Amino acid sequence: MVPMPASESPDNSPMTPASPCIKVCTLDPAWRLCIGCGRTIEEIAGWRTMSQAERERVMGELPARLARLAARDEGAL
């Protein structure tokens, strides 16, 4: 796992999804996903400039990504 510095919390307006960051900023080198929030480095870096629709799309994908990471860690994949 490759540690990353925790990014600052983005300026979230009430109309946009809050950052999914849980301050466990470590990228899985094989899957290239943060093991804390499930985002890619590109999604983390671009979160502040994403549109509401883009953020909602990413947020919708996170549960499945995190489940895949957890299943792999448990040896199911």
PDB file of N, CA and C in Angstrom:
ATOM      1  N   MET A   1       0.834  -1.168   0.000  1.00  0.00           N
ATOM      2  CA  MET A   1       0.000   0.000   0.000  1.00  0.00           C
ATOM      3  C   MET A   1       0.888   1.245   0.000  1.00  0.00           C
ATOM      4  N   VAL A   2       0.463   2.258  -0.719  1.00  0.00           N
ATOM      5  CA  VAL A   2       1.228   3.486  -0.844  1.00  0.00           C
ATOM      6  C   VAL A   2       0.507   4.582  -0.080  1.00  0.00           C
ATOM      7  N   PRO A   3       1.076   5.086   1.044  1.00  0.00           N
ATOM      8  CA  PRO A   3       0.406   6.146   1.793  1.00  0.00           C
ATOM      9  C   PRO A   3       0.360   7.443   0.997  1.00  0.00           C
ATOM     10  N   MET A   4      -0.718   8.178   1.164  1.00  0.00           N
ATOM     11  CA  MET A   4      -0.876   9.488   0.534  1.00  0.00           C
ATOM     12  C   MET A   4      -1.175  10.495   1.627  1.00  0.00           C
ATOM     13  N   PRO A   5      -0.763  11.725   1.454  1.00  0.00           N
ATOM     14  CA  PRO A   5      -1.158  12.727   2.438  1.00  0.00           C
ATOM     15  C   PRO A   5      -2.653  12.971   2.353  1.00  0.00           C
ATOM     16  N   ALA A   6      -3.272  13.152   3.493  1.00  0.00           N
ATOM     17  CA  ALA A   6      -4.710  13.441   3.509  1.00  0.00           C
ATOM     18  C   ALA A   6      -4.940  14.807   2.893  1.00  0.00           C
ATOM     19  N   SER A   7      -5.895  14.878   2.007  1.00  0.00           N
ATOM     20  CA  SER A   7      -6.198  16.159   1.379  1.00  0.00           C
ATOM     21  C   SER A   7      -7.100  16.967   2.290  1.00  0.00           C
ATOM     22  N   GLU A   8      -7.112  18.255   2.072  1.00  0.00           N
ATOM     23  CA  GLU A   8      -8.004  19.105   2.840  1.00  0.00           C
ATOM     24  C   GLU A   8      -9.434  18.794   2.459  1.00  0.00           C
ATOM     25  N   SER A   9     -10.301  18.988   3.395  1.00  0.00           N
ATOM     26  CA  SER A   9     -11.717  18.776   3.126  1.00  0.00           C
ATOM     27  C   SER A   9     -12.182  19.812   2.113  1.00  0.00           C
ATOM     28  N   PRO A  10     -12.855  19.374   1.054  1.00  0.00           N
ATOM     29  CA  PRO A  10     -13.296  20.330   0.038  1.00  0.00           C
ATOM     30  C   PRO A  10     -14.396  21.237   0.552  1.00  0.00           C
ATOM     31  N   ASP A  11     -14.552  22.343  -0.119  1.00  0.00           N
ATOM     32  CA  ASP A  11     -15.623  23.276   0.200  1.00  0.00           C
ATOM     33  C   ASP A  11     -16.907  22.717  -0.391  1.00  0.00           C
ATOM     34  N   ASN A  12     -17.676  22.015   0.424  1.00  0.00           N
ATOM     35  CA  ASN A  12     -18.890  21.363  -0.060  1.00  0.00           C
ATOM     36  C   ASN A  12     -20.101  22.235   0.220  1.00  0.00           C
ATOM     37  N   SER A  13     -20.820  22.558  -0.824  1.00  0.00           N
ATOM     38  CA  SER A  13     -22.067  23.282  -0.632  1.00  0.00           C
ATOM     39  C   SER A  13     -23.147  22.271  -0.300  1.00  0.00           C
ATOM     40  N   PRO A  14     -24.282  22.703   0.259  1.00  0.00           N
ATOM     41  CA  PRO A  14     -25.347  21.770   0.608  1.00  0.00           C
ATOM     42  C   PRO A  14     -25.909  21.031  -0.601  1.00  0.00           C
ATOM     43  N   MET A  15     -25.685  21.541  -1.794  1.00  0.00           N
ATOM     44  CA  MET A  15     -26.251  20.927  -2.988  1.00  0.00           C
ATOM     45  C   MET A  15     -25.356  19.834  -3.576  1.00  0.00           C
ATOM     46  N   THR A  16     -24.133  19.692  -3.079  1.00  0.00           N
ATOM     47  CA  THR A  16     -23.239  18.694  -3.651  1.00  0.00           C
ATOM     48  C   THR A  16     -22.895  17.646  -2.604  1.00  0.00           C
ATOM     49  N   PRO A  17     -22.610  16.419  -3.042  1.00  0.00           N
ATOM     50  CA  PRO A  17     -22.232  15.388  -2.075  1.00  0.00           C
ATOM     51  C   PRO A  17     -20.949  15.771  -1.355  1.00  0.00           C
ATOM     52  N   ALA A  18     -20.921  15.520  -0.059  1.00  0.00           N
ATOM     53  CA  ALA A  18     -19.716  15.764   0.722  1.00  0.00           C
ATOM     54  C   ALA A  18     -18.630  14.797   0.278  1.00  0.00           C
ATOM     55  N   SER A  19     -17.411  15.156   0.549  1.00  0.00           N
ATOM     56  CA  SER A  19     -16.305  14.268   0.222  1.00  0.00           C
ATOM     57  C   SER A  19     -16.465  12.958   0.991  1.00  0.00           C
ATOM     58  N   PRO A  20     -16.212  11.832   0.332  1.00  0.00           N
ATOM     59  CA  PRO A  20     -16.293  10.549   1.021  1.00  0.00           C
ATOM     60  C   PRO A  20     -15.033  10.221   1.823  1.00  0.00           C
ATOM     61  N   CYS A  21     -14.085  11.139   1.864  1.00  0.00           N
ATOM     62  CA  CYS A  21     -12.823  10.910   2.559  1.00  0.00           C
ATOM     63  C   CYS A  21     -13.069  10.603   4.034  1.00  0.00           C
ATOM     64  N   ILE A  22     -12.433   9.522   4.523  1.00  0.00           N
ATOM     65  CA  ILE A  22     -12.523   9.173   5.941  1.00  0.00           C
ATOM     66  C   ILE A  22     -11.143   9.253   6.599  1.00  0.00           C
ATOM     67  N   LYS A  23     -10.221   9.946   5.938  1.00  0.00           N
ATOM     68  CA  LYS A  23      -8.863  10.182   6.448  1.00  0.00           C
ATOM     69  C   LYS A  23      -8.055   8.891   6.597  1.00  0.00           C
ATOM     70  N   VAL A  24      -8.331   7.911   5.744  1.00  0.00           N
ATOM     71  CA  VAL A  24      -7.524   6.693   5.635  1.00  0.00           C
ATOM     72  C   VAL A  24      -6.976   6.714   4.213  1.00  0.00           C
ATOM     73  N   CYS A  25      -6.041   7.597   3.982  1.00  0.00           N
ATOM     74  CA  CYS A  25      -5.580   7.882   2.626  1.00  0.00           C
ATOM     75  C   CYS A  25      -4.407   6.988   2.243  1.00  0.00           C
ATOM     76  N   THR A  26      -4.740   5.799   1.765  1.00  0.00           N
ATOM     77  CA  THR A  26      -3.739   4.838   1.320  1.00  0.00           C
ATOM     78  C   THR A  26      -4.221   4.225   0.019  1.00  0.00           C
ATOM     79  N   LEU A  27      -3.401   4.337  -1.019  1.00  0.00           N
ATOM     80  CA  LEU A  27      -3.773   3.761  -2.311  1.00  0.00           C
ATOM     81  C   LEU A  27      -3.356   2.304  -2.387  1.00  0.00           C
ATOM     82  N   ASP A  28      -4.274   1.476  -2.835  1.00  0.00           N
ATOM     83  CA  ASP A  28      -3.952   0.085  -3.127  1.00  0.00           C
ATOM     84  C   ASP A  28      -3.220   0.087  -4.464  1.00  0.00           C
ATOM     85  N   PRO A  29      -1.973  -0.406  -4.513  1.00  0.00           N
ATOM     86  CA  PRO A  29      -1.202  -0.307  -5.755  1.00  0.00           C
ATOM     87  C   PRO A  29      -1.756  -1.148  -6.900  1.00  0.00           C
ATOM     88  N   ALA A  30      -2.392  -2.261  -6.596  1.00  0.00           N
ATOM     89  CA  ALA A  30      -2.927  -3.120  -7.658  1.00  0.00           C
ATOM     90  C   ALA A  30      -4.214  -2.549  -8.245  1.00  0.00           C
ATOM     91  N   TRP A  31      -5.078  -2.054  -7.401  1.00  0.00           N
ATOM     92  CA  TRP A  31      -6.390  -1.577  -7.852  1.00  0.00           C
ATOM     93  C   TRP A  31      -6.403  -0.074  -8.092  1.00  0.00           C
ATOM     94  N   ARG A  32      -5.370   0.626  -7.584  1.00  0.00           N
ATOM     95  CA  ARG A  32      -5.254   2.079  -7.746  1.00  0.00           C
ATOM     96  C   ARG A  32      -6.467   2.806  -7.180  1.00  0.00           C
ATOM     97  N   LEU A  33      -6.942   2.297  -6.041  1.00  0.00           N
ATOM     98  CA  LEU A  33      -8.062   2.897  -5.325  1.00  0.00           C
ATOM     99  C   LEU A  33      -7.625   3.183  -3.898  1.00  0.00           C
ATOM    100  N   CYS A  34      -8.166   4.253  -3.321  1.00  0.00           N
ATOM    101  CA  CYS A  34      -7.937   4.530  -1.913  1.00  0.00           C
ATOM    102  C   CYS A  34      -8.689   3.474  -1.105  1.00  0.00           C
ATOM    103  N   ILE A  35      -8.003   2.841  -0.152  1.00  0.00           N
ATOM    104  CA  ILE A  35      -8.670   1.812   0.638  1.00  0.00           C
ATOM    105  C   ILE A  35      -9.641   2.408   1.653  1.00  0.00           C
ATOM    106  N   GLY A  36      -9.555   3.711   1.891  1.00  0.00           N
ATOM    107  CA  GLY A  36     -10.472   4.367   2.817  1.00  0.00           C
ATOM    108  C   GLY A  36     -11.782   4.774   2.177  1.00  0.00           C
ATOM    109  N   CYS A  37     -11.695   5.429   1.020  1.00  0.00           N
ATOM    110  CA  CYS A  37     -12.915   5.969   0.398  1.00  0.00           C
ATOM    111  C   CYS A  37     -13.284   5.299  -0.917  1.00  0.00           C
ATOM    112  N   GLY A  38     -12.342   4.591  -1.532  1.00  0.00           N
ATOM    113  CA  GLY A  38     -12.641   3.897  -2.780  1.00  0.00           C
ATOM    114  C   GLY A  38     -12.441   4.707  -4.043  1.00  0.00           C
ATOM    115  N   ARG A  39     -11.962   5.949  -3.904  1.00  0.00           N
ATOM    116  CA  ARG A  39     -11.762   6.777  -5.094  1.00  0.00           C
ATOM    117  C   ARG A  39     -10.389   6.550  -5.702  1.00  0.00           C
ATOM    118  N   THR A  40     -10.283   6.877  -6.989  1.00  0.00           N
ATOM    119  CA  THR A  40      -8.989   6.876  -7.664  1.00  0.00           C
ATOM    120  C   THR A  40      -8.258   8.165  -7.301  1.00  0.00           C
ATOM    121  N   ILE A  41      -6.959   8.201  -7.557  1.00  0.00           N
ATOM    122  CA  ILE A  41      -6.187   9.413  -7.283  1.00  0.00           C
ATOM    123  C   ILE A  41      -6.707  10.583  -8.117  1.00  0.00           C
ATOM    124  N   GLU A  42      -7.147  10.291  -9.334  1.00  0.00           N
ATOM    125  CA  GLU A  42      -7.692  11.348 -10.197  1.00  0.00           C
ATOM    126  C   GLU A  42      -8.984  11.914  -9.610  1.00  0.00           C
ATOM    127  N   GLU A  43      -9.820  11.041  -9.063  1.00  0.00           N
ATOM    128  CA  GLU A  43     -11.075  11.504  -8.455  1.00  0.00           C
ATOM    129  C   GLU A  43     -10.811  12.298  -7.188  1.00  0.00           C
ATOM    130  N   ILE A  44      -9.836  11.864  -6.405  1.00  0.00           N
ATOM    131  CA  ILE A  44      -9.485  12.595  -5.185  1.00  0.00           C
ATOM    132  C   ILE A  44      -8.969  13.985  -5.547  1.00  0.00           C
ATOM    133  N   ALA A  45      -8.044  14.036  -6.486  1.00  0.00           N
ATOM    134  CA  ALA A  45      -7.436  15.313  -6.876  1.00  0.00           C
ATOM    135  C   ALA A  45      -8.443  16.256  -7.522  1.00  0.00           C
ATOM    136  N   GLY A  46      -9.391  15.718  -8.266  1.00  0.00           N
ATOM    137  CA  GLY A  46     -10.341  16.554  -8.984  1.00  0.00           C
ATOM    138  C   GLY A  46     -11.654  16.796  -8.279  1.00  0.00           C
ATOM    139  N   TRP A  47     -11.805  16.304  -7.053  1.00  0.00           N
ATOM    140  CA  TRP A  47     -13.095  16.378  -6.357  1.00  0.00           C
ATOM    141  C   TRP A  47     -13.647  17.798  -6.293  1.00  0.00           C
ATOM    142  N   ARG A  48     -12.801  18.749  -5.974  1.00  0.00           N
ATOM    143  CA  ARG A  48     -13.262  20.142  -5.820  1.00  0.00           C
ATOM    144  C   ARG A  48     -13.793  20.739  -7.119  1.00  0.00           C
ATOM    145  N   THR A  49     -13.301  20.267  -8.237  1.00  0.00           N
ATOM    146  CA  THR A  49     -13.709  20.859  -9.513  1.00  0.00           C
ATOM    147  C   THR A  49     -14.746  20.026 -10.252  1.00  0.00           C
ATOM    148  N   MET A  50     -15.124  18.883  -9.702  1.00  0.00           N
ATOM    149  CA  MET A  50     -16.142  18.046 -10.350  1.00  0.00           C
ATOM    150  C   MET A  50     -17.513  18.699 -10.243  1.00  0.00           C
ATOM    151  N   SER A  51     -18.321  18.439 -11.243  1.00  0.00           N
ATOM    152  CA  SER A  51     -19.707  18.901 -11.182  1.00  0.00           C
ATOM    153  C   SER A  51     -20.472  18.040 -10.178  1.00  0.00           C
ATOM    154  N   GLN A  52     -21.646  18.502  -9.805  1.00  0.00           N
ATOM    155  CA  GLN A  52     -22.489  17.730  -8.896  1.00  0.00           C
ATOM    156  C   GLN A  52     -22.789  16.355  -9.497  1.00  0.00           C
ATOM    157  N   ALA A  53     -23.069  16.304 -10.781  1.00  0.00           N
ATOM    158  CA  ALA A  53     -23.375  15.030 -11.441  1.00  0.00           C
ATOM    159  C   ALA A  53     -22.180  14.083 -11.394  1.00  0.00           C
ATOM    160  N   GLU A  54     -20.975  14.623 -11.603  1.00  0.00           N
ATOM    161  CA  GLU A  54     -19.774  13.781 -11.547  1.00  0.00           C
ATOM    162  C   GLU A  54     -19.558  13.232 -10.139  1.00  0.00           C
ATOM    163  N   ARG A  55     -19.736  14.084  -9.139  1.00  0.00           N
ATOM    164  CA  ARG A  55     -19.580  13.630  -7.755  1.00  0.00           C
ATOM    165  C   ARG A  55     -20.608  12.557  -7.415  1.00  0.00           C
ATOM    166  N   GLU A  56     -21.839  12.761  -7.856  1.00  0.00           N
ATOM    167  CA  GLU A  56     -22.887  11.775  -7.579  1.00  0.00           C
ATOM    168  C   GLU A  56     -22.583  10.444  -8.266  1.00  0.00           C
ATOM    169  N   ARG A  57     -22.026  10.500  -9.471  1.00  0.00           N
ATOM    170  CA  ARG A  57     -21.654   9.276 -10.179  1.00  0.00           C
ATOM    171  C   ARG A  57     -20.582   8.527  -9.397  1.00  0.00           C
ATOM    172  N   VAL A  58     -19.558   9.251  -8.971  1.00  0.00           N
ATOM    173  CA  VAL A  58     -18.479   8.627  -8.205  1.00  0.00           C
ATOM    174  C   VAL A  58     -19.032   8.047  -6.904  1.00  0.00           C
ATOM    175  N   MET A  59     -19.839   8.826  -6.192  1.00  0.00           N
ATOM    176  CA  MET A  59     -20.406   8.353  -4.924  1.00  0.00           C
ATOM    177  C   MET A  59     -21.209   7.072  -5.126  1.00  0.00           C
ATOM    178  N   GLY A  60     -21.905   6.973  -6.248  1.00  0.00           N
ATOM    179  CA  GLY A  60     -22.692   5.782  -6.537  1.00  0.00           C
ATOM    180  C   GLY A  60     -21.845   4.549  -6.792  1.00  0.00           C
ATOM    181  N   GLU A  61     -20.614   4.744  -7.251  1.00  0.00           N
ATOM    182  CA  GLU A  61     -19.711   3.628  -7.547  1.00  0.00           C
ATOM    183  C   GLU A  61     -18.922   3.155  -6.327  1.00  0.00           C
ATOM    184  N   LEU A  62     -18.826   3.983  -5.305  1.00  0.00           N
ATOM    185  CA  LEU A  62     -17.946   3.673  -4.178  1.00  0.00           C
ATOM    186  C   LEU A  62     -18.323   2.411  -3.402  1.00  0.00           C
ATOM    187  N   PRO A  63     -19.595   2.161  -3.095  1.00  0.00           N
ATOM    188  CA  PRO A  63     -19.904   0.941  -2.335  1.00  0.00           C
ATOM    189  C   PRO A  63     -19.412  -0.333  -3.022  1.00  0.00           C
ATOM    190  N   ALA A  64     -19.579  -0.430  -4.323  1.00  0.00           N
ATOM    191  CA  ALA A  64     -19.128  -1.622  -5.045  1.00  0.00           C
ATOM    192  C   ALA A  64     -17.602  -1.710  -5.050  1.00  0.00           C
ATOM    193  N   ARG A  65     -16.929  -0.583  -5.217  1.00  0.00           N
ATOM    194  CA  ARG A  65     -15.463  -0.586  -5.205  1.00  0.00           C
ATOM    195  C   ARG A  65     -14.933  -1.054  -3.855  1.00  0.00           C
ATOM    196  N   LEU A  66     -15.497  -0.487  -2.785  1.00  0.00           N
ATOM    197  CA  LEU A  66     -15.040  -0.855  -1.448  1.00  0.00           C
ATOM    198  C   LEU A  66     -15.350  -2.316  -1.136  1.00  0.00           C
ATOM    199  N   ALA A  67     -16.481  -2.802  -1.621  1.00  0.00           N
ATOM    200  CA  ALA A  67     -16.828  -4.216  -1.423  1.00  0.00           C
ATOM    201  C   ALA A  67     -15.827  -5.119  -2.140  1.00  0.00           C
ATOM    202  N   ARG A  68     -15.416  -4.730  -3.357  1.00  0.00           N
ATOM    203  CA  ARG A  68     -14.421  -5.525  -4.087  1.00  0.00           C
ATOM    204  C   ARG A  68     -13.085  -5.541  -3.345  1.00  0.00           C
ATOM    205  N   LEU A  69     -12.678  -4.380  -2.821  1.00  0.00           N
ATOM    206  CA  LEU A  69     -11.430  -4.327  -2.053  1.00  0.00           C
ATOM    207  C   LEU A  69     -11.524  -5.209  -0.811  1.00  0.00           C
ATOM    208  N   ALA A  70     -12.643  -5.139  -0.101  1.00  0.00           N
ATOM    209  CA  ALA A  70     -12.824  -5.937   1.114  1.00  0.00           C
ATOM    210  C   ALA A  70     -12.843  -7.423   0.791  1.00  0.00           C
ATOM    211  N   ALA A  71     -13.527  -7.800  -0.284  1.00  0.00           N
ATOM    212  CA  ALA A  71     -13.601  -9.211  -0.673  1.00  0.00           C
ATOM    213  C   ALA A  71     -12.222  -9.735  -1.047  1.00  0.00           C
ATOM    214  N   ARG A  72     -11.462  -8.918  -1.746  1.00  0.00           N
ATOM    215  CA  ARG A  72     -10.112  -9.328  -2.122  1.00  0.00           C
ATOM    216  C   ARG A  72      -9.251  -9.513  -0.876  1.00  0.00           C
ATOM    217  N   ASP A  73      -9.391  -8.596   0.079  1.00  0.00           N
ATOM    218  CA  ASP A  73      -8.615  -8.695   1.313  1.00  0.00           C
ATOM    219  C   ASP A  73      -8.995  -9.927   2.124  1.00  0.00           C
ATOM    220  N   GLU A  74     -10.230 -10.372   1.983  1.00  0.00           N
ATOM    221  CA  GLU A  74     -10.696 -11.565   2.693  1.00  0.00           C
ATOM    222  C   GLU A  74     -10.382 -12.834   1.912  1.00  0.00           C
ATOM    223  N   GLY A  75      -9.781 -12.689   0.732  1.00  0.00           N
ATOM    224  CA  GLY A  75      -9.394 -13.834  -0.070  1.00  0.00           C
ATOM    225  C   GLY A  75     -10.484 -14.375  -0.962  1.00  0.00           C
ATOM    226  N   ALA A  76     -11.590 -13.624  -1.108  1.00  0.00           N
ATOM    227  CA  ALA A  76     -12.705 -14.096  -1.934  1.00  0.00           C
ATOM    228  C   ALA A  76     -12.446 -13.894  -3.414  1.00  0.00           C
ATOM    229  N   LEU A  77     -11.529 -12.989  -3.771  1.00  0.00           N
ATOM    230  CA  LEU A  77     -11.252 -12.736  -5.190  1.00  0.00           C
ATOM    231  C   LEU A  77      -9.905 -13.287  -5.568  1.00  0.00           C
TER     232      LEU A  77
END
